[in-house]
Amino acid sequence: FRFRAPGRRNARVRAVPDRYRVPGLAIEGEPHFVAIDFAVTRESDGSLGPRLIELQGFPSLYAFQLLQGRLCLEMVPGHGEPLEFLLGGLDDIGYRRVVGDAILGGHPVENVVLLDLDPPGQGTYPDFAATEKLFGIRAVCPTDLTKSGRELWYERDGKKTRILRVYNRLIVDELVEKKVLLPFRFTEELDVQWAGHPNWFFRWSKHALPGLKHPLVPEARLLSDFDRTPDDLDQWVLKPLFSFSGSGVKVDVTPEDLAAVPEKERASTLLMRKVDYAPVVEAPDGARSRVEVRVMFVWRDGRPVPVTTLARLSQGKMMGVKFNRDKTWVGSTSCLWPRTS
């Protein structure tokens, strides 16, 4: 698999549904932000190993993870050896520079907004607050914007301020589900830059998994590519290509589940081999949690630069808050490791 190969370029273009296609993104180019999720599994020799679970061309908790990583360093003694949580040879200042450059793109902070629907009501609001604390960028709801020609404006400290760049955290699923009316259309030509162009949510996603061939990547196929129901259906997971936070995912798949997928949606639904997460973290109450590690990248100087990680712990059938509401010692944290130099 080569992300820039001609066949994959064409597939990336087809990945974006026409009704959600936002102008201003060429076939070539790279996403500003990439997150890659790996399950921690138990290998045949008893060691731990990774299995790729998902790709995400969409910003993650870049501000919150810096603050959380700092706190983890303060709380964990390290048994006499110094620990770190940043990647790419970055220190705290370097991390803020790399991430800040990707978000701001050289624009003044007042002309850049973090865009999401009802920011205070989002589960990721702590990251929005941390983004303002670290980079000065305000979280704004798109319903509060005004449009003048091809320009977008918002109110900042009582002053009407033009938006030149959008740090996009808005998931189109939520707009559609809640039938939100906006003062502009995402699919129209606007004079704004995107820090995380909305099309990358579709282009770099589960849509790319069938093209990945590697021992650490579970087999994944579009439902439309199956001539018949697999004999070992219990070993597969059903995933809508563009779901978010696990919505629509079925872990215990039945033939009825497959039959219920409309014909027009079979090419946007994935069957992926199950991955056996290892319950490797023992909680104080005796329960054991499974772990998924998200490696977070910023695209810089023509290549993806790993900057930090986010670890998620689960005792439910899937990762995420909604699947662990009655559990303890679950949720997100940072990964720490011995400093190499």
Protein backbone atom coordinates (compact mmCIF):
# COMPACT_ATOMS: atom_id res chain seq x y z
CA PHE A 1 0.00 0.00 0.00
CA ARG A 2 1.29 3.44 -0.99
CA PHE A 3 -0.81 6.36 0.09
CA ARG A 4 0.28 8.39 -2.94
CA ALA A 5 -0.10 5.60 -5.52
CA PRO A 6 -2.44 6.57 -8.41
CA GLY A 7 -5.00 3.90 -7.53
CA ARG A 8 -5.13 5.05 -3.93
CA ARG A 9 -5.43 8.70 -4.99
CA ASN A 10 -8.52 7.83 -6.98
CA ALA A 11 -9.91 5.83 -4.08
CA ARG A 12 -9.37 8.80 -1.76
CA VAL A 13 -11.39 11.02 -4.08
CA ARG A 14 -14.23 8.47 -4.22
CA ALA A 15 -14.14 8.18 -0.44
CA VAL A 16 -15.77 11.60 0.02
CA PRO A 17 -19.57 11.48 -0.47
CA ASP A 18 -20.62 14.17 -2.94
CA ARG A 19 -23.08 15.69 -0.48
CA TYR A 20 -20.25 16.29 2.01
CA ARG A 21 -17.46 17.28 -0.38
CA VAL A 22 -15.89 20.57 0.72
CA PRO A 23 -14.05 22.63 -1.96
CA GLY A 24 -10.42 23.58 -1.73
CA LEU A 25 -8.65 20.22 -1.34
CA ALA A 26 -6.55 18.93 -4.23
CA ILE A 27 -6.11 15.25 -4.97
CA GLU A 28 -2.49 15.59 -3.90
CA GLY A 29 -1.54 16.88 -0.49
CA GLU A 30 -1.54 15.60 3.04
CA PRO A 31 -3.76 15.97 6.10
CA HIS A 32 -2.55 18.35 8.79
CA PHE A 33 -3.34 15.80 11.50
CA VAL A 34 -3.32 12.00 11.59
CA ALA A 35 -4.18 9.57 14.37
CA ILE A 36 -3.53 5.82 14.12
CA ASP A 37 -5.05 3.46 16.68
CA PHE A 38 -3.38 0.19 17.67
CA ALA A 39 -4.84 -2.54 19.87
CA VAL A 40 -2.46 -4.10 22.40
CA THR A 41 -2.64 -7.86 21.84
CA ARG A 42 -0.96 -10.97 23.20
CA GLU A 43 1.36 -12.68 20.70
CA SER A 44 1.79 -16.47 20.45
CA ASP A 45 5.08 -16.28 22.39
CA GLY A 46 3.37 -14.43 25.25
CA SER A 47 4.78 -11.00 24.41
CA LEU A 48 2.64 -7.95 23.72
CA GLY A 49 2.20 -6.61 20.21
CA PRO A 50 0.16 -4.07 18.19
CA ARG A 51 -2.66 -4.53 15.68
CA LEU A 52 -3.89 -1.60 13.63
CA ILE A 53 -7.52 -0.78 14.37
CA GLU A 54 -8.27 2.52 12.70
CA LEU A 55 -6.90 5.49 10.77
CA GLN A 56 -8.14 9.01 11.37
CA GLY A 57 -7.27 12.04 9.23
CA PHE A 58 -8.83 14.29 11.84
CA PRO A 59 -7.49 16.19 14.87
CA SER A 60 -7.35 14.41 18.20
CA LEU A 61 -6.81 15.82 21.70
CA TYR A 62 -3.56 17.60 20.88
CA ALA A 63 -3.81 20.27 23.59
CA PHE A 64 -5.28 18.11 26.34
CA GLN A 65 -2.68 15.37 25.83
CA LEU A 66 0.15 17.80 26.51
CA LEU A 67 -1.39 18.81 29.84
CA GLN A 68 -2.32 15.23 30.74
CA GLY A 69 1.16 13.98 29.86
CA ARG A 70 2.70 16.57 32.16
CA LEU A 71 0.46 15.46 35.03
CA CYS A 72 1.27 11.80 34.44
CA LEU A 73 4.98 12.58 34.64
CA GLU A 74 4.42 14.32 37.96
CA MET A 75 2.35 11.46 39.39
CA VAL A 76 4.41 8.46 38.23
CA PRO A 77 7.78 8.08 39.99
CA GLY A 78 9.55 6.18 37.20
CA HIS A 79 11.46 3.97 39.68
CA GLY A 80 14.54 6.17 39.49
CA GLU A 81 14.72 6.56 35.70
CA PRO A 82 13.48 9.67 33.87
CA LEU A 83 10.33 9.20 31.79
CA GLU A 84 8.94 11.02 28.79
CA PHE A 85 5.65 11.14 26.85
CA LEU A 86 6.46 13.16 23.72
CA LEU A 87 7.61 11.67 20.42
CA GLY A 88 9.74 12.89 17.52
CA GLY A 89 12.47 14.20 19.81
CA LEU A 90 10.17 17.02 20.92
CA ASP A 91 10.22 18.76 24.26
CA ASP A 92 7.33 20.82 25.65
CA ILE A 93 8.31 23.95 23.70
CA GLY A 94 8.90 22.02 20.48
CA TYR A 95 5.55 20.27 20.77
CA ARG A 96 3.71 23.55 21.19
CA ARG A 97 5.55 25.01 18.21
CA VAL A 98 4.82 22.06 15.87
CA VAL A 99 1.17 21.70 16.85
CA GLY A 100 0.64 25.46 17.01
CA ASP A 101 2.10 25.94 13.52
CA ALA A 102 -0.26 23.30 12.12
CA ILE A 103 -3.30 24.90 13.74
CA LEU A 104 -2.51 28.56 13.11
CA GLY A 105 -0.78 28.35 9.74
CA GLY A 106 0.95 31.67 10.41
CA HIS A 107 -2.29 33.59 11.10
CA PRO A 108 -2.98 35.75 14.17
CA VAL A 109 -4.82 33.81 16.86
CA GLU A 110 -7.87 36.10 16.67
CA ASN A 111 -8.40 35.09 13.02
CA VAL A 112 -8.37 31.35 13.77
CA VAL A 113 -11.23 29.46 15.43
CA LEU A 114 -11.77 25.93 16.66
CA LEU A 115 -15.09 24.93 15.10
CA ASP A 116 -17.47 22.39 16.65
CA LEU A 117 -21.16 22.13 17.34
CA ASP A 118 -22.07 23.43 20.83
CA PRO A 119 -18.46 23.28 22.14
CA PRO A 120 -19.36 23.35 25.88
CA GLY A 121 -21.65 20.35 25.36
CA GLN A 122 -19.01 18.18 23.70
CA GLY A 123 -17.18 15.43 25.58
CA THR A 124 -13.97 16.85 24.11
CA TYR A 125 -14.55 20.30 25.64
CA PRO A 126 -11.56 19.90 28.04
CA ASP A 127 -9.36 19.81 24.93
CA PHE A 128 -11.08 22.91 23.56
CA ALA A 129 -10.37 24.77 26.81
CA ALA A 130 -6.76 23.55 26.73
CA THR A 131 -6.44 24.70 23.10
CA GLU A 132 -7.40 28.24 24.12
CA LYS A 133 -5.05 28.10 27.11
CA LEU A 134 -2.07 26.93 25.03
CA PHE A 135 -2.66 28.61 21.67
CA GLY A 136 -5.21 31.40 22.29
CA ILE A 137 -7.76 29.90 19.89
CA ARG A 138 -11.44 30.12 20.86
CA ALA A 139 -13.94 27.29 20.37
CA VAL A 140 -16.91 28.53 18.36
CA CYS A 141 -20.20 26.96 17.30
CA PRO A 142 -20.87 27.27 13.54
CA THR A 143 -24.40 28.49 14.27
CA ASP A 144 -22.84 31.62 15.83
CA LEU A 145 -20.93 32.59 12.68
CA THR A 146 -22.03 35.14 10.11
CA LYS A 147 -21.31 35.03 6.39
CA SER A 148 -20.54 38.00 4.14
CA GLY A 149 -19.97 36.99 0.54
CA ARG A 150 -17.36 34.22 0.81
CA GLU A 151 -16.10 35.40 4.19
CA LEU A 152 -16.91 34.00 7.64
CA TRP A 153 -16.99 36.20 10.75
CA TYR A 154 -17.42 35.71 14.49
CA GLU A 155 -17.56 37.89 17.57
CA ARG A 156 -14.47 37.98 19.76
CA ASP A 157 -14.45 40.13 22.88
CA GLY A 158 -17.36 42.15 21.56
CA LYS A 159 -15.67 42.81 18.19
CA LYS A 160 -16.71 41.40 14.83
CA THR A 161 -13.65 39.45 13.66
CA ARG A 162 -12.96 37.75 10.34
CA ILE A 163 -12.07 34.06 10.27
CA LEU A 164 -9.10 33.24 8.06
CA ARG A 165 -8.46 29.68 9.24
CA VAL A 166 -10.63 26.98 10.81
CA TYR A 167 -9.27 24.33 13.17
CA ASN A 168 -11.97 21.87 12.25
CA ARG A 169 -13.33 19.57 14.97
CA LEU A 170 -16.83 19.31 13.52
CA ILE A 171 -18.12 15.84 12.65
CA VAL A 172 -20.56 15.93 9.77
CA ASP A 173 -22.52 12.98 11.25
CA GLU A 174 -23.62 15.16 14.15
CA LEU A 175 -24.80 17.96 11.88
CA VAL A 176 -26.89 15.51 9.87
CA GLU A 177 -28.23 13.63 12.90
CA LYS A 178 -29.32 16.82 14.68
CA LYS A 179 -30.50 18.52 11.47
CA VAL A 180 -28.63 21.69 12.35
CA LEU A 181 -29.18 24.70 10.09
CA LEU A 182 -26.04 26.78 9.55
CA PRO A 183 -25.61 30.34 8.28
CA PHE A 184 -23.42 28.92 5.48
CA ARG A 185 -22.89 25.65 3.60
CA PHE A 186 -19.70 23.66 4.01
CA THR A 187 -19.92 22.63 0.37
CA GLU A 188 -19.77 26.21 -0.95
CA GLU A 189 -16.64 28.15 -1.83
CA LEU A 190 -15.44 30.05 1.24
CA ASP A 191 -12.40 32.25 1.71
CA VAL A 192 -11.02 30.30 4.65
CA GLN A 193 -8.16 27.90 5.18
CA TRP A 194 -8.78 24.58 6.91
CA ALA A 195 -6.50 23.18 9.60
CA GLY A 196 -7.70 19.68 9.02
CA HIS A 197 -9.72 19.96 5.80
CA PRO A 198 -13.11 18.27 6.32
CA ASN A 199 -12.55 15.93 3.36
CA TRP A 200 -9.70 14.20 5.20
CA PHE A 201 -12.24 12.82 7.67
CA PHE A 202 -13.36 10.62 4.76
CA ARG A 203 -10.16 10.26 2.76
CA TRP A 204 -7.91 8.98 5.56
CA SER A 205 -10.19 6.68 7.49
CA LYS A 206 -11.45 3.10 7.63
CA HIS A 207 -11.93 3.57 3.87
CA ALA A 208 -8.17 2.98 3.46
CA LEU A 209 -8.03 -0.26 5.48
CA PRO A 210 -8.82 -2.69 2.62
CA GLY A 211 -5.75 -1.35 0.82
CA LEU A 212 -3.38 -2.06 3.71
CA LYS A 213 -1.55 -5.39 3.51
CA HIS A 214 0.69 -6.07 6.50
CA PRO A 215 0.97 -8.71 9.27
CA LEU A 216 -0.06 -6.09 11.84
CA VAL A 217 -3.16 -5.04 9.89
CA PRO A 218 -6.26 -7.27 10.25
CA GLU A 219 -8.01 -8.26 7.03
CA ALA A 220 -10.66 -5.72 6.06
CA ARG A 221 -13.07 -5.86 3.13
CA LEU A 222 -16.02 -3.85 1.95
CA LEU A 223 -19.31 -5.64 2.40
CA SER A 224 -19.98 -5.16 -1.33
CA ASP A 225 -16.88 -7.28 -2.11
CA PHE A 226 -18.33 -10.42 -0.47
CA ASP A 227 -20.16 -12.88 -2.74
CA ARG A 228 -21.65 -14.65 0.26
CA THR A 229 -21.74 -14.45 4.03
CA PRO A 230 -18.43 -15.58 5.58
CA ASP A 231 -18.62 -19.00 7.26
CA ASP A 232 -16.75 -17.59 10.28
CA LEU A 233 -18.93 -14.50 10.69
CA ASP A 234 -18.32 -14.55 14.45
CA GLN A 235 -14.70 -13.61 13.71
CA TRP A 236 -15.60 -10.35 11.97
CA VAL A 237 -16.68 -6.87 13.10
CA LEU A 238 -19.15 -4.78 11.08
CA LYS A 239 -18.18 -1.11 10.75
CA PRO A 240 -19.79 1.75 8.84
CA LEU A 241 -16.90 3.47 7.09
CA PHE A 242 -17.60 6.94 8.39
CA SER A 243 -19.02 6.36 11.84
CA PHE A 244 -17.61 8.26 14.80
CA SER A 245 -17.03 7.16 18.41
CA GLY A 246 -18.10 3.61 17.61
CA SER A 247 -21.60 4.47 16.39
CA GLY A 248 -23.07 1.76 14.17
CA VAL A 249 -20.29 -0.76 14.93
CA LYS A 250 -21.44 -4.32 15.60
CA VAL A 251 -19.06 -6.66 17.40
CA ASP A 252 -21.32 -9.73 17.45
CA VAL A 253 -22.39 -9.80 13.81
CA THR A 254 -25.31 -11.91 12.60
CA PRO A 255 -26.47 -12.74 9.05
CA GLU A 256 -29.51 -10.58 9.81
CA ASP A 257 -27.19 -7.62 10.46
CA LEU A 258 -25.65 -8.04 7.01
CA ALA A 259 -29.02 -8.44 5.34
CA ALA A 260 -30.24 -5.25 7.00
CA VAL A 261 -27.54 -3.12 5.31
CA PRO A 262 -29.19 -1.38 2.32
CA GLU A 263 -27.67 -2.20 -1.06
CA LYS A 264 -26.53 1.40 -1.57
CA GLU A 265 -24.63 1.32 1.75
CA ARG A 266 -22.78 -1.98 1.23
CA ALA A 267 -19.88 -0.19 -0.48
CA SER A 268 -19.54 2.08 2.55
CA THR A 269 -19.68 -0.69 5.17
CA LEU A 270 -16.66 -2.67 6.27
CA LEU A 271 -16.17 -6.19 7.59
CA MET A 272 -12.92 -6.39 9.55
CA ARG A 273 -11.33 -9.36 11.28
CA LYS A 274 -11.74 -9.26 15.05
CA VAL A 275 -8.73 -8.37 17.12
CA ASP A 276 -8.27 -10.02 20.51
CA TYR A 277 -7.32 -7.22 22.88
CA ALA A 278 -5.19 -8.44 25.78
CA PRO A 279 -6.50 -7.51 29.28
CA VAL A 280 -3.07 -6.35 30.37
CA VAL A 281 -3.76 -3.56 32.88
CA GLU A 282 -4.82 -4.74 36.34
CA ALA A 283 -6.87 -2.18 38.25
CA PRO A 284 -6.78 -1.81 42.06
CA ASP A 285 -10.23 -3.41 42.27
CA GLY A 286 -8.95 -6.56 40.53
CA ALA A 287 -10.59 -5.90 37.15
CA ARG A 288 -8.42 -6.02 34.03
CA SER A 289 -8.57 -3.46 31.25
CA ARG A 290 -7.81 -3.78 27.56
CA VAL A 291 -5.69 -1.09 25.96
CA GLU A 292 -5.64 0.81 22.68
CA VAL A 293 -2.79 3.21 21.88
CA ARG A 294 -3.34 6.16 19.56
CA VAL A 295 -0.21 7.55 17.94
CA MET A 296 -0.80 11.21 17.07
CA PHE A 297 0.95 12.82 14.10
CA VAL A 298 1.32 16.30 12.64
CA TRP A 299 2.18 16.53 8.95
CA ARG A 300 5.28 18.68 8.65
CA ASP A 301 7.84 19.26 5.87
CA GLY A 302 6.23 16.64 3.64
CA ARG A 303 6.03 13.82 6.17
CA PRO A 304 3.98 12.74 9.19
CA VAL A 305 5.80 13.54 12.44
CA PRO A 306 4.73 11.55 15.53
CA VAL A 307 4.28 13.97 18.42
CA THR A 308 2.63 12.09 21.29
CA THR A 309 0.23 9.29 22.21
CA LEU A 310 -3.14 8.75 23.79
CA ALA A 311 -3.97 5.47 25.49
CA ARG A 312 -7.54 4.27 25.99
CA LEU A 313 -8.54 1.62 28.53
CA SER A 314 -11.74 -0.38 28.34
CA GLN A 315 -13.51 -3.19 30.15
CA GLY A 316 -16.53 -3.06 27.84
CA LYS A 317 -16.91 -4.65 24.42
CA MET A 318 -15.52 -1.55 22.74
CA MET A 319 -13.39 1.48 23.49
CA GLY A 320 -15.06 4.78 24.34
CA VAL A 321 -17.04 6.37 27.15
CA LYS A 322 -20.44 5.12 26.00
CA PHE A 323 -19.32 1.49 26.31
CA ASN A 324 -17.76 1.86 29.78
CA ARG A 325 -20.20 4.02 31.73
CA ASP A 326 -20.60 1.48 34.56
CA LYS A 327 -16.86 0.68 34.77
CA THR A 328 -13.99 2.11 36.79
CA TRP A 329 -10.30 2.40 35.87
CA VAL A 330 -11.18 3.01 32.24
CA GLY A 331 -10.87 6.06 29.99
CA SER A 332 -7.92 7.89 28.48
CA THR A 333 -4.40 8.53 29.68
CA SER A 334 -0.91 9.12 28.32
CA CYS A 335 1.85 6.62 27.63
CA LEU A 336 5.15 7.01 29.48
CA TRP A 337 8.45 5.34 28.68
CA PRO A 338 12.09 5.60 29.82
CA ARG A 339 13.92 8.55 28.32
CA THR A 340 16.49 7.34 25.80
CA SER A 341 18.99 10.15 26.23
